Amino acid sequence: MKFTTAACVLSALATQASAHYIFEFFDNGAAYKNVRQNTNYNSPVTDLTSNDLRCNVGGATGGSTSTISVAAGSTHTFKADIAVYHQGPVSFYMSKAPSSAASYDGSGSWFKIKDIGPTFDASGNAAWDLEQSYSVTIPKSLPSGDYLLRVQQLAIHNPYPAGIPQFYISCAQVTVTGGGSGVPSPTAKIPGFISATDPGYTVNIYNNFHSYTVP
């Protein structure tokens, strides 16, 4: 579903206080079978310095979450409880666990494998890809092993600094099989991967918004 910013400013402002969404399904599994269960219902994370940016509130360890095998080069899907409706990009990150994915807290290095940003028409109006499900392909050259696979939707509908961007985050626990010998780059730590001065974080999508770089 494409959502055009210019046509829906009032609608976006009117729904700021309404219910949110959470990515709780991975592939065809049951809710939270392979996704770490958060403890903040479907509320976003907003603190750029918080460790909760890794795998959401309550997602520091696997708990009862199962780890699923995924082949390098295969495509997999996160699904939310309802369709995403706040404007903003979707990104996918991975981080290799030093031992098991279930025991990993995400404190190591993360690397991005996909961004989904807006498209702009000939008049410069932005359209966001707002869906209930988003898919990502595991890099074919990624070394085998246990990883956290993280989906992030950065909601920028409530412009900074009057408002605060919102992070909707979930982590799946995966074991990559049939991998290669690639070296993921660049890498970053979470928190620390996005700055409060990053243009993709501070942008006002309702004012002279004709281009965008996903942070």
N, C-alpha and C. Protein backbone atom coordinates (compact mmCIF):
# COMPACT_ATOMS: atom_id res chain seq x y z
N MET A 1 0.84 -1.18 0.00
CA MET A 1 0.00 0.00 0.00
C MET A 1 0.88 1.23 0.00
N LYS A 2 0.66 2.13 -0.94
CA LYS A 2 1.39 3.38 -1.00
C LYS A 2 0.59 4.48 -0.31
N PHE A 3 1.26 5.28 0.48
CA PHE A 3 0.62 6.34 1.26
C PHE A 3 1.30 7.64 0.89
N THR A 4 0.55 8.60 0.36
CA THR A 4 1.12 9.85 -0.11
C THR A 4 1.08 10.91 0.98
N THR A 5 2.26 11.45 1.31
CA THR A 5 2.38 12.40 2.42
C THR A 5 1.54 13.64 2.20
N ALA A 6 1.64 14.26 1.04
CA ALA A 6 1.00 15.55 0.82
C ALA A 6 -0.50 15.51 1.01
N ALA A 7 -1.11 14.36 0.71
CA ALA A 7 -2.57 14.26 0.76
C ALA A 7 -3.10 13.91 2.14
N CYS A 8 -2.20 13.55 3.08
CA CYS A 8 -2.70 12.96 4.32
C CYS A 8 -2.13 13.59 5.58
N VAL A 9 -1.75 14.85 5.53
CA VAL A 9 -1.17 15.51 6.69
C VAL A 9 -2.15 15.50 7.86
N LEU A 10 -3.39 15.91 7.62
CA LEU A 10 -4.36 16.00 8.71
C LEU A 10 -4.66 14.62 9.29
N SER A 11 -4.75 13.62 8.43
CA SER A 11 -5.01 12.27 8.90
C SER A 11 -3.89 11.78 9.79
N ALA A 12 -2.65 12.05 9.40
CA ALA A 12 -1.51 11.61 10.19
C ALA A 12 -1.50 12.27 11.56
N LEU A 13 -1.79 13.57 11.60
CA LEU A 13 -1.80 14.27 12.88
C LEU A 13 -2.92 13.78 13.77
N ALA A 14 -4.04 13.43 13.16
CA ALA A 14 -5.21 13.00 13.95
C ALA A 14 -5.00 11.64 14.59
N THR A 15 -4.11 10.81 14.01
CA THR A 15 -3.94 9.45 14.53
C THR A 15 -2.73 9.30 15.43
N GLN A 16 -2.08 10.42 15.82
CA GLN A 16 -0.87 10.31 16.62
C GLN A 16 -1.11 9.60 17.95
N ALA A 17 -2.30 9.76 18.50
CA ALA A 17 -2.56 9.19 19.82
C ALA A 17 -3.23 7.82 19.74
N SER A 18 -3.41 7.31 18.56
CA SER A 18 -4.12 6.05 18.43
C SER A 18 -3.18 4.86 18.63
N ALA A 19 -3.72 3.66 18.51
CA ALA A 19 -2.94 2.45 18.72
C ALA A 19 -1.82 2.35 17.70
N HIS A 20 -0.79 1.59 18.08
CA HIS A 20 0.37 1.43 17.22
C HIS A 20 0.40 0.01 16.65
N TYR A 21 1.60 -0.47 16.35
CA TYR A 21 1.74 -1.78 15.71
C TYR A 21 3.05 -2.41 16.16
N ILE A 22 3.14 -3.71 16.02
CA ILE A 22 4.34 -4.44 16.44
C ILE A 22 4.56 -5.62 15.49
N PHE A 23 5.81 -5.84 15.11
CA PHE A 23 6.15 -6.97 14.26
C PHE A 23 6.32 -8.21 15.14
N GLU A 24 5.31 -9.07 15.13
CA GLU A 24 5.32 -10.22 16.04
C GLU A 24 5.39 -11.57 15.32
N PHE A 25 5.34 -11.55 13.98
CA PHE A 25 5.39 -12.80 13.21
C PHE A 25 6.63 -12.82 12.31
N PHE A 26 7.19 -13.99 12.16
CA PHE A 26 8.30 -14.20 11.23
C PHE A 26 7.97 -15.39 10.36
N ASP A 27 8.01 -15.17 9.04
CA ASP A 27 7.59 -16.18 8.07
C ASP A 27 6.18 -16.67 8.43
N ASN A 28 5.96 -17.95 8.52
CA ASN A 28 4.61 -18.45 8.78
C ASN A 28 4.43 -18.91 10.22
N GLY A 29 5.35 -18.50 11.09
CA GLY A 29 5.27 -18.93 12.48
C GLY A 29 4.20 -18.19 13.27
N ALA A 30 3.88 -18.75 14.41
CA ALA A 30 2.93 -18.11 15.32
C ALA A 30 3.54 -16.84 15.90
N ALA A 31 2.71 -16.01 16.48
CA ALA A 31 3.19 -14.78 17.10
C ALA A 31 4.27 -15.10 18.12
N TYR A 32 5.42 -14.43 17.98
CA TYR A 32 6.55 -14.53 18.89
C TYR A 32 7.20 -15.91 18.94
N LYS A 33 6.90 -16.77 18.00
CA LYS A 33 7.58 -18.06 17.98
C LYS A 33 9.07 -17.88 17.71
N ASN A 34 9.39 -17.09 16.70
CA ASN A 34 10.79 -16.84 16.34
C ASN A 34 11.18 -15.38 16.52
N VAL A 35 10.28 -14.57 17.05
CA VAL A 35 10.50 -13.15 17.31
C VAL A 35 10.50 -12.94 18.83
N ARG A 36 11.50 -12.23 19.32
CA ARG A 36 11.56 -11.97 20.75
C ARG A 36 10.36 -11.13 21.19
N GLN A 37 9.73 -11.56 22.26
CA GLN A 37 8.53 -10.87 22.72
C GLN A 37 8.90 -9.65 23.56
N ASN A 38 8.35 -8.52 23.17
CA ASN A 38 8.57 -7.29 23.92
C ASN A 38 7.59 -7.19 25.08
N THR A 39 7.86 -6.25 25.99
CA THR A 39 7.02 -6.09 27.17
C THR A 39 6.34 -4.73 27.22
N ASN A 40 6.39 -3.98 26.13
CA ASN A 40 5.77 -2.65 26.08
C ASN A 40 4.59 -2.63 25.12
N TYR A 41 3.90 -3.77 24.99
CA TYR A 41 2.77 -3.93 24.09
C TYR A 41 3.20 -3.51 22.69
N ASN A 42 2.56 -2.51 22.08
CA ASN A 42 2.97 -2.08 20.75
C ASN A 42 3.47 -0.64 20.75
N SER A 43 3.99 -0.19 21.90
CA SER A 43 4.51 1.16 22.00
C SER A 43 5.89 1.26 21.36
N PRO A 44 6.25 2.42 20.83
CA PRO A 44 7.56 2.59 20.22
C PRO A 44 8.66 2.86 21.25
N VAL A 45 9.89 2.73 20.80
CA VAL A 45 11.05 3.19 21.55
C VAL A 45 11.44 4.56 20.98
N THR A 46 11.73 5.52 21.83
CA THR A 46 12.05 6.87 21.36
C THR A 46 13.40 7.39 21.84
N ASP A 47 14.03 6.71 22.79
CA ASP A 47 15.29 7.17 23.37
C ASP A 47 16.46 6.66 22.53
N LEU A 48 17.19 7.57 21.89
CA LEU A 48 18.31 7.18 21.03
C LEU A 48 19.49 6.58 21.80
N THR A 49 19.50 6.71 23.11
CA THR A 49 20.60 6.17 23.91
C THR A 49 20.26 4.85 24.59
N SER A 50 19.06 4.35 24.36
CA SER A 50 18.59 3.16 25.07
C SER A 50 18.99 1.86 24.38
N ASN A 51 19.37 0.88 25.19
CA ASN A 51 19.64 -0.46 24.67
C ASN A 51 18.38 -1.12 24.12
N ASP A 52 17.21 -0.58 24.47
CA ASP A 52 15.96 -1.12 23.94
C ASP A 52 15.84 -0.92 22.44
N LEU A 53 16.66 -0.05 21.85
CA LEU A 53 16.67 0.12 20.41
C LEU A 53 17.15 -1.13 19.68
N ARG A 54 17.80 -2.02 20.40
CA ARG A 54 18.30 -3.24 19.75
C ARG A 54 17.15 -4.16 19.37
N CYS A 55 16.41 -4.64 20.37
CA CYS A 55 15.35 -5.62 20.11
C CYS A 55 14.07 -5.30 20.86
N ASN A 56 13.87 -4.02 21.19
CA ASN A 56 12.68 -3.53 21.85
C ASN A 56 12.75 -3.78 23.36
N VAL A 57 11.80 -3.18 24.07
CA VAL A 57 11.73 -3.32 25.52
C VAL A 57 11.43 -4.77 25.86
N GLY A 58 12.25 -5.36 26.73
CA GLY A 58 12.07 -6.75 27.11
C GLY A 58 12.71 -7.75 26.17
N GLY A 59 13.39 -7.26 25.12
CA GLY A 59 13.95 -8.16 24.12
C GLY A 59 15.44 -8.40 24.23
N ALA A 60 16.01 -8.21 25.42
CA ALA A 60 17.46 -8.36 25.57
C ALA A 60 17.93 -9.80 25.44
N THR A 61 17.06 -10.75 25.76
CA THR A 61 17.41 -12.16 25.60
C THR A 61 16.24 -12.89 24.97
N GLY A 62 16.51 -14.13 24.56
CA GLY A 62 15.53 -14.88 23.81
C GLY A 62 14.37 -15.43 24.59
N GLY A 63 14.58 -15.69 25.89
CA GLY A 63 13.49 -16.26 26.67
C GLY A 63 13.02 -17.57 26.05
N SER A 64 11.74 -17.64 25.73
CA SER A 64 11.17 -18.86 25.14
C SER A 64 11.14 -18.82 23.62
N THR A 65 11.79 -17.80 23.02
CA THR A 65 11.79 -17.66 21.57
C THR A 65 12.62 -18.76 20.92
N SER A 66 12.08 -19.36 19.85
CA SER A 66 12.79 -20.39 19.11
C SER A 66 13.67 -19.75 18.04
N THR A 67 14.78 -20.40 17.76
CA THR A 67 15.68 -19.95 16.70
C THR A 67 15.40 -20.77 15.45
N ILE A 68 15.22 -20.08 14.32
CA ILE A 68 14.83 -20.73 13.07
C ILE A 68 16.00 -20.73 12.09
N SER A 69 16.16 -21.82 11.35
CA SER A 69 17.22 -21.91 10.34
C SER A 69 16.78 -21.19 9.07
N VAL A 70 17.68 -20.38 8.51
CA VAL A 70 17.42 -19.68 7.26
C VAL A 70 18.64 -19.85 6.36
N ALA A 71 18.42 -20.15 5.12
CA ALA A 71 19.53 -20.35 4.19
C ALA A 71 20.05 -19.01 3.68
N ALA A 72 21.35 -18.88 3.57
CA ALA A 72 21.92 -17.69 2.95
C ALA A 72 21.35 -17.56 1.54
N GLY A 73 20.92 -16.36 1.19
CA GLY A 73 20.31 -16.12 -0.11
C GLY A 73 18.81 -16.30 -0.14
N SER A 74 18.21 -16.75 0.95
CA SER A 74 16.75 -16.95 0.99
C SER A 74 16.05 -15.69 1.49
N THR A 75 14.75 -15.60 1.20
CA THR A 75 13.97 -14.43 1.55
C THR A 75 12.97 -14.76 2.65
N HIS A 76 12.84 -13.84 3.60
CA HIS A 76 12.00 -14.06 4.77
C HIS A 76 11.20 -12.81 5.10
N THR A 77 10.12 -13.01 5.86
CA THR A 77 9.13 -11.94 6.03
C THR A 77 8.77 -11.72 7.49
N PHE A 78 8.79 -10.45 7.90
CA PHE A 78 8.22 -10.03 9.17
C PHE A 78 6.81 -9.53 8.90
N LYS A 79 5.90 -9.85 9.82
CA LYS A 79 4.52 -9.38 9.70
C LYS A 79 4.09 -8.74 11.02
N ALA A 80 3.42 -7.60 10.91
CA ALA A 80 2.93 -6.90 12.09
C ALA A 80 1.51 -7.31 12.42
N ASP A 81 1.05 -6.91 13.61
CA ASP A 81 -0.32 -7.22 14.01
C ASP A 81 -1.33 -6.46 13.16
N ILE A 82 -0.99 -5.23 12.76
CA ILE A 82 -1.79 -4.45 11.83
C ILE A 82 -0.84 -3.78 10.85
N ALA A 83 -1.37 -3.22 9.78
CA ALA A 83 -0.51 -2.55 8.80
C ALA A 83 0.14 -1.30 9.40
N VAL A 84 1.39 -1.09 9.04
CA VAL A 84 2.09 0.14 9.42
C VAL A 84 1.36 1.33 8.81
N TYR A 85 1.16 2.38 9.59
CA TYR A 85 0.45 3.54 9.04
C TYR A 85 1.15 4.87 9.30
N HIS A 86 2.19 4.90 10.12
CA HIS A 86 2.97 6.12 10.30
C HIS A 86 4.02 6.21 9.19
N GLN A 87 4.17 7.38 8.57
CA GLN A 87 5.16 7.54 7.53
C GLN A 87 6.57 7.36 8.09
N GLY A 88 7.42 6.73 7.30
CA GLY A 88 8.81 6.54 7.70
C GLY A 88 9.40 5.31 7.04
N PRO A 89 10.72 5.22 7.04
CA PRO A 89 11.40 4.11 6.36
C PRO A 89 11.40 2.82 7.18
N VAL A 90 11.59 1.72 6.48
CA VAL A 90 11.78 0.41 7.09
C VAL A 90 13.20 -0.05 6.78
N SER A 91 13.87 -0.58 7.79
CA SER A 91 15.24 -1.06 7.60
C SER A 91 15.40 -2.42 8.27
N PHE A 92 16.33 -3.20 7.74
CA PHE A 92 16.66 -4.51 8.29
C PHE A 92 18.14 -4.55 8.65
N TYR A 93 18.43 -5.07 9.83
CA TYR A 93 19.80 -5.19 10.31
C TYR A 93 20.04 -6.63 10.79
N MET A 94 21.32 -7.01 10.84
CA MET A 94 21.70 -8.29 11.42
C MET A 94 22.91 -8.09 12.33
N SER A 95 23.02 -8.96 13.32
CA SER A 95 24.18 -8.96 14.21
C SER A 95 24.51 -10.40 14.57
N LYS A 96 25.78 -10.78 14.40
CA LYS A 96 26.19 -12.17 14.65
C LYS A 96 26.36 -12.41 16.13
N ALA A 97 25.76 -13.48 16.60
CA ALA A 97 25.85 -13.84 18.01
C ALA A 97 27.20 -14.50 18.29
N PRO A 98 27.83 -14.20 19.42
CA PRO A 98 29.10 -14.86 19.76
C PRO A 98 28.91 -16.32 20.09
N SER A 99 27.71 -16.71 20.51
CA SER A 99 27.40 -18.13 20.76
C SER A 99 26.03 -18.41 20.18
N SER A 100 25.00 -18.53 21.02
CA SER A 100 23.66 -18.79 20.51
C SER A 100 22.90 -17.48 20.34
N ALA A 101 21.99 -17.48 19.38
CA ALA A 101 21.14 -16.31 19.18
C ALA A 101 20.27 -16.06 20.41
N ALA A 102 19.82 -17.14 21.04
CA ALA A 102 18.91 -17.02 22.18
C ALA A 102 19.54 -16.28 23.36
N SER A 103 20.85 -16.42 23.53
CA SER A 103 21.51 -15.81 24.68
C SER A 103 22.15 -14.46 24.36
N TYR A 104 22.06 -14.04 23.10
CA TYR A 104 22.76 -12.83 22.66
C TYR A 104 21.92 -11.59 22.95
N ASP A 105 22.59 -10.56 23.53
CA ASP A 105 21.87 -9.34 23.90
C ASP A 105 21.97 -8.23 22.85
N GLY A 106 22.64 -8.50 21.74
CA GLY A 106 22.73 -7.51 20.67
C GLY A 106 23.74 -6.41 20.90
N SER A 107 24.66 -6.61 21.84
CA SER A 107 25.63 -5.57 22.18
C SER A 107 26.81 -5.51 21.21
N GLY A 108 26.89 -6.45 20.29
CA GLY A 108 27.96 -6.45 19.30
C GLY A 108 27.66 -5.52 18.15
N SER A 109 28.34 -5.74 17.03
CA SER A 109 28.18 -4.88 15.86
C SER A 109 26.99 -5.32 15.01
N TRP A 110 26.32 -4.34 14.43
CA TRP A 110 25.18 -4.56 13.55
C TRP A 110 25.51 -4.06 12.14
N PHE A 111 24.92 -4.69 11.15
CA PHE A 111 25.08 -4.23 9.77
C PHE A 111 23.72 -4.25 9.09
N LYS A 112 23.52 -3.27 8.22
CA LYS A 112 22.24 -3.11 7.55
C LYS A 112 22.23 -3.92 6.26
N ILE A 113 21.10 -4.60 5.98
CA ILE A 113 21.00 -5.39 4.75
C ILE A 113 19.90 -4.89 3.81
N LYS A 114 19.03 -3.97 4.28
CA LYS A 114 18.01 -3.46 3.38
C LYS A 114 17.36 -2.21 3.96
N ASP A 115 17.06 -1.26 3.09
CA ASP A 115 16.25 -0.09 3.42
C ASP A 115 15.06 -0.03 2.48
N ILE A 116 13.93 0.44 3.00
CA ILE A 116 12.76 0.75 2.18
C ILE A 116 12.37 2.19 2.48
N GLY A 117 12.73 3.08 1.58
CA GLY A 117 12.43 4.50 1.77
C GLY A 117 11.27 4.94 0.90
N PRO A 118 11.01 6.25 0.86
CA PRO A 118 9.90 6.75 0.05
C PRO A 118 10.27 6.84 -1.42
N THR A 119 9.26 6.92 -2.27
CA THR A 119 9.45 7.26 -3.67
C THR A 119 8.81 8.63 -3.88
N PHE A 120 9.31 9.36 -4.87
CA PHE A 120 8.82 10.71 -5.14
C PHE A 120 8.31 10.78 -6.57
N ASP A 121 7.12 11.36 -6.75
CA ASP A 121 6.58 11.49 -8.10
C ASP A 121 7.17 12.72 -8.80
N ALA A 122 6.70 12.99 -10.01
CA ALA A 122 7.25 14.08 -10.81
C ALA A 122 7.05 15.44 -10.16
N SER A 123 6.07 15.54 -9.29
CA SER A 123 5.81 16.80 -8.60
C SER A 123 6.55 16.90 -7.27
N GLY A 124 7.29 15.84 -6.93
CA GLY A 124 8.05 15.83 -5.68
C GLY A 124 7.29 15.35 -4.48
N ASN A 125 6.09 14.80 -4.67
CA ASN A 125 5.32 14.27 -3.55
C ASN A 125 5.82 12.89 -3.16
N ALA A 126 5.92 12.67 -1.86
CA ALA A 126 6.45 11.40 -1.36
C ALA A 126 5.34 10.37 -1.18
N ALA A 127 5.67 9.11 -1.50
CA ALA A 127 4.78 7.98 -1.21
C ALA A 127 5.57 6.96 -0.40
N TRP A 128 5.01 6.55 0.72
CA TRP A 128 5.66 5.59 1.62
C TRP A 128 5.05 4.21 1.43
N ASP A 129 5.86 3.19 1.51
CA ASP A 129 5.41 1.82 1.36
C ASP A 129 4.97 1.30 2.72
N LEU A 130 3.70 1.52 3.04
CA LEU A 130 3.15 1.16 4.35
C LEU A 130 2.37 -0.15 4.21
N GLU A 131 2.91 -1.20 4.80
CA GLU A 131 2.36 -2.54 4.64
C GLU A 131 2.23 -3.21 6.00
N GLN A 132 1.63 -4.37 6.00
CA GLN A 132 1.61 -5.20 7.20
C GLN A 132 2.80 -6.15 7.23
N SER A 133 3.33 -6.48 6.06
CA SER A 133 4.45 -7.41 5.95
C SER A 133 5.58 -6.80 5.13
N TYR A 134 6.81 -7.11 5.53
CA TYR A 134 8.00 -6.67 4.80
C TYR A 134 8.96 -7.84 4.71
N SER A 135 9.56 -7.99 3.53
CA SER A 135 10.46 -9.12 3.30
C SER A 135 11.89 -8.65 3.09
N VAL A 136 12.81 -9.54 3.39
CA VAL A 136 14.24 -9.24 3.25
C VAL A 136 14.97 -10.52 2.85
N THR A 137 16.02 -10.36 2.06
CA THR A 137 16.83 -11.49 1.63
C THR A 137 18.13 -11.55 2.44
N ILE A 138 18.42 -12.72 2.97
CA ILE A 138 19.68 -12.93 3.71
C ILE A 138 20.83 -12.90 2.70
N PRO A 139 21.85 -12.09 2.92
CA PRO A 139 22.95 -12.02 1.95
C PRO A 139 23.56 -13.40 1.69
N LYS A 140 23.77 -13.69 0.41
CA LYS A 140 24.29 -15.01 0.03
C LYS A 140 25.68 -15.26 0.59
N SER A 141 26.48 -14.22 0.72
CA SER A 141 27.86 -14.38 1.16
C SER A 141 28.02 -14.33 2.68
N LEU A 142 26.91 -14.16 3.40
CA LEU A 142 26.99 -14.04 4.85
C LEU A 142 27.49 -15.35 5.48
N PRO A 143 28.48 -15.29 6.37
CA PRO A 143 28.95 -16.52 7.02
C PRO A 143 27.85 -17.22 7.81
N SER A 144 27.90 -18.52 7.84
CA SER A 144 26.92 -19.30 8.61
C SER A 144 27.07 -19.01 10.10
N GLY A 145 25.99 -19.23 10.82
CA GLY A 145 26.02 -19.04 12.26
C GLY A 145 24.74 -18.44 12.78
N ASP A 146 24.70 -18.18 14.08
CA ASP A 146 23.53 -17.61 14.73
C ASP A 146 23.57 -16.09 14.67
N TYR A 147 22.41 -15.50 14.37
CA TYR A 147 22.29 -14.05 14.24
C TYR A 147 20.98 -13.57 14.85
N LEU A 148 20.95 -12.29 15.18
CA LEU A 148 19.70 -11.58 15.38
C LEU A 148 19.38 -10.86 14.08
N LEU A 149 18.17 -11.01 13.60
CA LEU A 149 17.68 -10.33 12.41
C LEU A 149 16.64 -9.32 12.87
N ARG A 150 16.94 -8.06 12.65
CA ARG A 150 16.16 -6.96 13.25
C ARG A 150 15.42 -6.18 12.18
N VAL A 151 14.12 -5.97 12.39
CA VAL A 151 13.32 -5.09 11.53
C VAL A 151 13.06 -3.81 12.31
N GLN A 152 13.14 -2.69 11.61
CA GLN A 152 12.92 -1.38 12.23
C GLN A 152 12.08 -0.50 11.32
N GLN A 153 10.99 0.03 11.84
CA GLN A 153 10.26 1.07 11.14
C GLN A 153 10.43 2.35 11.94
N LEU A 154 11.05 3.34 11.29
CA LEU A 154 11.29 4.64 11.93
C LEU A 154 10.17 5.58 11.54
N ALA A 155 9.26 5.83 12.46
CA ALA A 155 8.11 6.68 12.18
C ALA A 155 8.49 8.14 12.37
N ILE A 156 8.40 8.91 11.30
CA ILE A 156 8.80 10.32 11.35
C ILE A 156 7.60 11.23 11.04
N HIS A 157 6.43 10.76 11.39
CA HIS A 157 5.20 11.50 11.13
C HIS A 157 5.01 12.70 12.05
N ASN A 158 5.70 12.72 13.17
CA ASN A 158 5.55 13.77 14.18
C ASN A 158 6.87 14.52 14.25
N PRO A 159 7.06 15.55 13.42
CA PRO A 159 8.39 16.11 13.18
C PRO A 159 9.14 16.60 14.41
N TYR A 160 10.42 16.29 14.42
CA TYR A 160 11.36 16.74 15.44
C TYR A 160 11.63 18.23 15.21
N PRO A 161 11.82 19.11 16.23
CA PRO A 161 11.93 18.77 17.66
C PRO A 161 10.61 18.85 18.43
N ALA A 162 9.54 19.37 17.82
CA ALA A 162 8.26 19.43 18.53
C ALA A 162 7.78 18.03 18.89
N GLY A 163 8.01 17.09 17.99
CA GLY A 163 7.69 15.69 18.24
C GLY A 163 8.96 14.87 18.26
N ILE A 164 8.84 13.60 18.57
CA ILE A 164 9.99 12.71 18.64
C ILE A 164 9.75 11.53 17.71
N PRO A 165 10.68 11.24 16.80
CA PRO A 165 10.53 10.05 15.95
C PRO A 165 10.41 8.78 16.79
N GLN A 166 9.71 7.81 16.24
CA GLN A 166 9.39 6.59 16.98
C GLN A 166 9.98 5.38 16.26
N PHE A 167 10.58 4.48 17.03
CA PHE A 167 11.16 3.26 16.48
C PHE A 167 10.27 2.07 16.84
N TYR A 168 9.81 1.37 15.81
CA TYR A 168 9.05 0.13 15.99
C TYR A 168 9.97 -1.01 15.59
N ILE A 169 10.32 -1.86 16.55
CA ILE A 169 11.44 -2.78 16.40
C ILE A 169 11.04 -4.19 16.81
N SER A 170 11.55 -5.17 16.09
CA SER A 170 11.48 -6.57 16.53
C SER A 170 12.72 -7.30 16.05
N CYS A 171 13.11 -8.33 16.80
CA CYS A 171 14.25 -9.17 16.42
C CYS A 171 13.83 -10.62 16.31
N ALA A 172 14.17 -11.24 15.20
CA ALA A 172 14.03 -12.69 15.05
C ALA A 172 15.37 -13.34 15.34
N GLN A 173 15.31 -14.55 15.87
CA GLN A 173 16.51 -15.33 16.12
C GLN A 173 16.68 -16.33 14.98
N VAL A 174 17.82 -16.25 14.28
CA VAL A 174 18.01 -17.10 13.11
C VAL A 174 19.37 -17.77 13.15
N THR A 175 19.43 -18.95 12.54
CA THR A 175 20.68 -19.63 12.26
C THR A 175 20.86 -19.66 10.76
N VAL A 176 21.87 -18.96 10.26
CA VAL A 176 22.14 -18.91 8.82
C VAL A 176 22.90 -20.17 8.42
N THR A 177 22.40 -20.84 7.40
CA THR A 177 23.04 -22.05 6.89
C THR A 177 23.50 -21.83 5.45
N GLY A 178 24.49 -22.60 5.02
CA GLY A 178 24.96 -22.52 3.65
C GLY A 178 25.57 -21.19 3.29
N GLY A 179 26.16 -20.54 4.28
CA GLY A 179 26.70 -19.20 4.08
C GLY A 179 28.04 -19.19 3.38
N GLY A 180 28.56 -17.98 3.19
CA GLY A 180 29.81 -17.78 2.49
C GLY A 180 30.89 -17.23 3.41
N SER A 181 31.78 -16.45 2.82
CA SER A 181 32.92 -15.93 3.58
C SER A 181 32.97 -14.41 3.54
N GLY A 182 31.81 -13.78 3.33
CA GLY A 182 31.76 -12.33 3.26
C GLY A 182 32.03 -11.68 4.61
N VAL A 183 32.44 -10.43 4.56
CA VAL A 183 32.68 -9.64 5.77
C VAL A 183 31.73 -8.45 5.74
N PRO A 184 30.66 -8.49 6.52
CA PRO A 184 29.67 -7.40 6.50
C PRO A 184 30.30 -6.05 6.82
N SER A 185 29.94 -5.03 6.07
CA SER A 185 30.48 -3.70 6.26
C SER A 185 29.54 -2.70 5.57
N PRO A 186 29.38 -1.50 6.15
CA PRO A 186 29.90 -1.04 7.44
C PRO A 186 29.09 -1.61 8.60
N THR A 187 29.63 -1.48 9.79
CA THR A 187 28.95 -1.94 10.99
C THR A 187 28.79 -0.77 11.96
N ALA A 188 27.86 -0.94 12.89
CA ALA A 188 27.62 0.09 13.90
C ALA A 188 27.08 -0.58 15.15
N LYS A 189 27.18 0.13 16.26
CA LYS A 189 26.59 -0.33 17.51
C LYS A 189 25.21 0.30 17.67
N ILE A 190 24.33 -0.44 18.33
CA ILE A 190 23.01 0.06 18.69
C ILE A 190 22.88 0.00 20.20
N PRO A 191 22.66 1.13 20.86
CA PRO A 191 22.46 2.49 20.33
C PRO A 191 23.75 3.08 19.79
N GLY A 192 23.60 4.19 19.07
CA GLY A 192 24.74 4.87 18.48
C GLY A 192 24.71 4.90 16.98
N PHE A 193 23.81 4.13 16.38
CA PHE A 193 23.76 4.02 14.92
C PHE A 193 23.05 5.19 14.26
N ILE A 194 22.23 5.90 15.01
CA ILE A 194 21.53 7.08 14.52
C ILE A 194 21.76 8.23 15.49
N SER A 195 22.06 9.39 14.95
CA SER A 195 22.32 10.58 15.74
C SER A 195 21.09 11.47 15.78
N ALA A 196 20.97 12.26 16.83
CA ALA A 196 19.85 13.19 16.97
C ALA A 196 19.91 14.31 15.95
N THR A 197 21.04 14.45 15.25
CA THR A 197 21.17 15.48 14.22
C THR A 197 21.14 14.90 12.82
N ASP A 198 20.90 13.61 12.70
CA ASP A 198 20.83 12.98 11.38
C ASP A 198 19.65 13.54 10.60
N PRO A 199 19.87 14.01 9.36
CA PRO A 199 18.77 14.59 8.58
C PRO A 199 17.60 13.64 8.38
N GLY A 200 17.87 12.34 8.30
CA GLY A 200 16.79 11.38 8.13
C GLY A 200 15.96 11.19 9.38
N TYR A 201 16.47 11.69 10.51
CA TYR A 201 15.78 11.61 11.80
C TYR A 201 15.04 12.91 12.09
N THR A 202 15.64 14.05 11.74
CA THR A 202 15.08 15.35 12.08
C THR A 202 14.16 15.94 11.01
N VAL A 203 14.06 15.31 9.85
CA VAL A 203 13.33 15.87 8.72
C VAL A 203 11.86 16.16 9.04
N ASN A 204 11.35 17.23 8.46
CA ASN A 204 9.92 17.54 8.54
C ASN A 204 9.30 17.12 7.21
N ILE A 205 8.52 16.06 7.22
CA ILE A 205 7.98 15.52 5.97
C ILE A 205 6.82 16.33 5.42
N TYR A 206 6.39 17.36 6.16
CA TYR A 206 5.28 18.19 5.71
C TYR A 206 5.73 19.53 5.13
N ASN A 207 7.05 19.77 5.10
CA ASN A 207 7.56 21.07 4.67
C ASN A 207 8.75 20.89 3.72
N ASN A 208 8.54 21.19 2.44
CA ASN A 208 9.61 21.15 1.44
C ASN A 208 10.31 19.79 1.42
N PHE A 209 9.52 18.75 1.44
CA PHE A 209 10.05 17.38 1.51
C PHE A 209 10.04 16.76 0.12
N HIS A 210 11.21 16.79 -0.53
CA HIS A 210 11.28 16.31 -1.92
C HIS A 210 12.40 15.29 -2.13
N SER A 211 13.12 14.96 -1.07
CA SER A 211 14.15 13.92 -1.15
C SER A 211 14.38 13.40 0.26
N TYR A 212 14.94 12.20 0.35
CA TYR A 212 15.13 11.60 1.65
C TYR A 212 16.20 10.51 1.59
N THR A 213 17.08 10.51 2.57
CA THR A 213 18.07 9.45 2.73
C THR A 213 17.78 8.73 4.04
N VAL A 214 17.59 7.43 3.97
CA VAL A 214 17.30 6.62 5.17
C VAL A 214 18.52 6.63 6.07
N PRO A 215 18.36 6.96 7.35
CA PRO A 215 19.52 7.00 8.26
C PRO A 215 19.99 5.60 8.64
